[in-house]
């Protein structure tokens, strides 16, 4: 029971982290100028990394905790 709640919390945190980085990256891209040149690509790379971690975690949770 507790492990199920922890898994849900971790899953939600991972998905929110991906969303926040995506929004920051898009905002930086539209802002333009030096900020865009400096941070936009780094934020999108971070988003891809977080998506990879989230997908691996969710697939792992589904595999190891299926009923």
N, C-alpha and C. Protein backbone atom coordinates (compact mmCIF):
# COMPACT_ATOMS: atom_id res chain seq x y z
N UNK A 1 0.82 -1.19 0.00
CA UNK A 1 0.00 0.00 0.00
C UNK A 1 0.86 1.25 0.00
N UNK A 2 1.79 1.34 0.96
CA UNK A 2 2.66 2.52 1.03
C UNK A 2 3.56 2.60 -0.19
N UNK A 3 4.05 1.47 -0.67
CA UNK A 3 4.92 1.50 -1.85
C UNK A 3 4.15 1.99 -3.07
N UNK A 4 2.86 1.68 -3.16
CA UNK A 4 2.04 2.17 -4.26
C UNK A 4 1.89 3.68 -4.23
N UNK A 5 1.72 4.23 -3.05
CA UNK A 5 1.60 5.67 -2.89
C UNK A 5 2.93 6.35 -3.25
N UNK A 6 4.02 5.76 -2.80
CA UNK A 6 5.34 6.32 -3.11
C UNK A 6 5.60 6.28 -4.61
N UNK A 7 5.22 5.20 -5.27
CA UNK A 7 5.39 5.10 -6.72
C UNK A 7 4.59 6.16 -7.45
N UNK A 8 3.37 6.40 -7.00
CA UNK A 8 2.53 7.43 -7.62
C UNK A 8 3.15 8.81 -7.44
N UNK A 9 3.66 9.08 -6.25
CA UNK A 9 4.27 10.37 -5.96
C UNK A 9 5.51 10.57 -6.82
N UNK A 10 6.36 9.56 -6.91
CA UNK A 10 7.58 9.65 -7.72
C UNK A 10 7.21 9.84 -9.19
N UNK A 11 6.22 9.13 -9.67
CA UNK A 11 5.79 9.26 -11.06
C UNK A 11 5.29 10.67 -11.34
N UNK A 12 4.49 11.20 -10.45
CA UNK A 12 3.95 12.55 -10.64
C UNK A 12 5.07 13.58 -10.59
N UNK A 13 6.02 13.42 -9.68
CA UNK A 13 7.14 14.36 -9.60
C UNK A 13 7.97 14.33 -10.88
N UNK A 14 8.23 13.14 -11.42
CA UNK A 14 8.98 13.05 -12.66
C UNK A 14 8.24 13.72 -13.82
N UNK A 15 6.96 13.49 -13.92
CA UNK A 15 6.18 14.09 -15.00
C UNK A 15 6.08 15.60 -14.86
N UNK A 16 5.95 16.10 -13.65
CA UNK A 16 5.92 17.54 -13.43
C UNK A 16 7.27 18.16 -13.77
N UNK A 17 8.37 17.48 -13.40
CA UNK A 17 9.70 17.99 -13.72
C UNK A 17 9.89 18.11 -15.23
N UNK A 18 9.43 17.13 -15.98
CA UNK A 18 9.52 17.19 -17.45
C UNK A 18 8.70 18.37 -17.97
N UNK A 19 7.51 18.55 -17.45
CA UNK A 19 6.66 19.66 -17.89
C UNK A 19 7.25 21.02 -17.58
N UNK A 20 7.82 21.17 -16.39
CA UNK A 20 8.43 22.45 -16.00
C UNK A 20 9.61 22.77 -16.91
N UNK A 21 10.47 21.80 -17.15
CA UNK A 21 11.63 22.04 -18.01
C UNK A 21 11.18 22.34 -19.44
N UNK A 22 10.14 21.66 -19.90
CA UNK A 22 9.61 21.94 -21.24
C UNK A 22 9.11 23.37 -21.34
N UNK A 23 8.35 23.82 -20.36
CA UNK A 23 7.81 25.18 -20.37
C UNK A 23 8.94 26.20 -20.28
N UNK A 24 9.92 25.96 -19.43
CA UNK A 24 11.07 26.86 -19.34
C UNK A 24 11.84 26.93 -20.65
N UNK A 25 12.02 25.78 -21.28
CA UNK A 25 12.74 25.74 -22.55
C UNK A 25 12.02 26.48 -23.65
N UNK A 26 10.71 26.30 -23.74
CA UNK A 26 9.93 27.00 -24.76
C UNK A 26 9.91 28.50 -24.48
N UNK A 27 9.76 28.87 -23.21
CA UNK A 27 9.79 30.29 -22.84
C UNK A 27 11.11 30.94 -23.18
N UNK A 28 12.19 30.24 -22.92
CA UNK A 28 13.52 30.76 -23.24
C UNK A 28 13.71 30.88 -24.75
N UNK A 29 13.17 29.92 -25.47
CA UNK A 29 13.28 29.95 -26.93
C UNK A 29 12.55 31.16 -27.50
N UNK A 30 11.35 31.45 -26.99
CA UNK A 30 10.59 32.59 -27.49
C UNK A 30 11.14 33.93 -27.01
N UNK A 31 11.84 33.92 -25.88
CA UNK A 31 12.41 35.16 -25.37
C UNK A 31 13.46 35.70 -26.33
N UNK A 32 14.26 34.81 -26.90
CA UNK A 32 15.26 35.21 -27.89
C UNK A 32 16.47 35.87 -27.27
N UNK A 33 17.34 36.36 -28.14
CA UNK A 33 18.52 37.07 -27.69
C UNK A 33 19.57 36.16 -27.10
N UNK A 34 20.40 36.75 -26.24
CA UNK A 34 21.50 36.01 -25.62
C UNK A 34 21.01 34.91 -24.69
N UNK A 35 19.90 35.17 -24.02
CA UNK A 35 19.34 34.16 -23.12
C UNK A 35 18.98 32.90 -23.89
N UNK A 36 18.37 33.07 -25.04
CA UNK A 36 17.98 31.92 -25.85
C UNK A 36 19.20 31.15 -26.32
N UNK A 37 20.21 31.87 -26.76
CA UNK A 37 21.43 31.22 -27.25
C UNK A 37 22.11 30.45 -26.13
N UNK A 38 22.05 30.99 -24.92
CA UNK A 38 22.79 30.39 -23.80
C UNK A 38 22.05 29.20 -23.17
N UNK A 39 20.72 29.30 -23.03
CA UNK A 39 20.01 28.32 -22.21
C UNK A 39 19.03 27.42 -22.95
N UNK A 40 18.54 27.82 -24.10
CA UNK A 40 17.47 27.08 -24.77
C UNK A 40 17.88 25.64 -25.09
N UNK A 41 19.04 25.48 -25.69
CA UNK A 41 19.49 24.13 -26.06
C UNK A 41 19.77 23.28 -24.82
N UNK A 42 20.35 23.88 -23.79
CA UNK A 42 20.63 23.13 -22.56
C UNK A 42 19.34 22.66 -21.90
N UNK A 43 18.32 23.53 -21.90
CA UNK A 43 17.05 23.13 -21.29
C UNK A 43 16.38 22.01 -22.09
N UNK A 44 16.47 22.06 -23.39
CA UNK A 44 15.86 20.99 -24.19
C UNK A 44 16.63 19.68 -24.01
N UNK A 45 17.95 19.75 -23.86
CA UNK A 45 18.72 18.54 -23.58
C UNK A 45 18.34 17.97 -22.21
N UNK A 46 18.15 18.85 -21.23
CA UNK A 46 17.71 18.41 -19.90
C UNK A 46 16.33 17.78 -19.97
N UNK A 47 15.44 18.35 -20.80
CA UNK A 47 14.10 17.78 -20.96
C UNK A 47 14.16 16.37 -21.52
N UNK A 48 15.01 16.16 -22.53
CA UNK A 48 15.14 14.83 -23.12
C UNK A 48 15.67 13.84 -22.08
N UNK A 49 16.64 14.27 -21.28
CA UNK A 49 17.18 13.40 -20.23
C UNK A 49 16.10 13.07 -19.20
N UNK A 50 15.34 14.07 -18.77
CA UNK A 50 14.27 13.82 -17.80
C UNK A 50 13.19 12.92 -18.37
N UNK A 51 12.87 13.09 -19.66
CA UNK A 51 11.89 12.20 -20.28
C UNK A 51 12.39 10.77 -20.30
N UNK A 52 13.67 10.58 -20.60
CA UNK A 52 14.25 9.24 -20.60
C UNK A 52 14.15 8.62 -19.21
N UNK A 53 14.52 9.39 -18.19
CA UNK A 53 14.46 8.88 -16.82
C UNK A 53 13.02 8.55 -16.44
N UNK A 54 12.07 9.43 -16.80
CA UNK A 54 10.67 9.20 -16.46
C UNK A 54 10.12 7.96 -17.16
N UNK A 55 10.46 7.78 -18.42
CA UNK A 55 9.96 6.61 -19.16
C UNK A 55 10.54 5.32 -18.58
N UNK A 56 11.83 5.32 -18.31
CA UNK A 56 12.47 4.12 -17.72
C UNK A 56 11.84 3.83 -16.36
N UNK A 57 11.63 4.85 -15.55
CA UNK A 57 11.04 4.65 -14.22
C UNK A 57 9.61 4.11 -14.33
N UNK A 58 8.80 4.70 -15.21
CA UNK A 58 7.41 4.26 -15.34
C UNK A 58 7.32 2.84 -15.88
N UNK A 59 8.15 2.51 -16.85
CA UNK A 59 8.16 1.14 -17.37
C UNK A 59 8.65 0.17 -16.29
N UNK A 60 9.67 0.58 -15.55
CA UNK A 60 10.16 -0.25 -14.45
C UNK A 60 9.11 -0.47 -13.37
N UNK A 61 8.40 0.60 -13.02
CA UNK A 61 7.33 0.47 -12.04
C UNK A 61 6.25 -0.48 -12.53
N UNK A 62 5.87 -0.35 -13.79
CA UNK A 62 4.83 -1.21 -14.36
C UNK A 62 5.29 -2.66 -14.39
N UNK A 63 6.55 -2.89 -14.70
CA UNK A 63 7.05 -4.26 -14.79
C UNK A 63 7.18 -4.92 -13.42
N UNK A 64 7.78 -4.22 -12.46
CA UNK A 64 8.08 -4.82 -11.17
C UNK A 64 6.89 -4.83 -10.19
N UNK A 65 5.93 -3.96 -10.42
CA UNK A 65 4.83 -3.87 -9.47
C UNK A 65 3.48 -4.21 -10.07
N UNK A 66 3.48 -4.98 -11.16
CA UNK A 66 2.22 -5.39 -11.73
C UNK A 66 1.57 -6.45 -10.84
N UNK A 67 0.29 -6.51 -10.86
CA UNK A 67 -0.42 -7.48 -9.99
C UNK A 67 -0.77 -8.71 -10.76
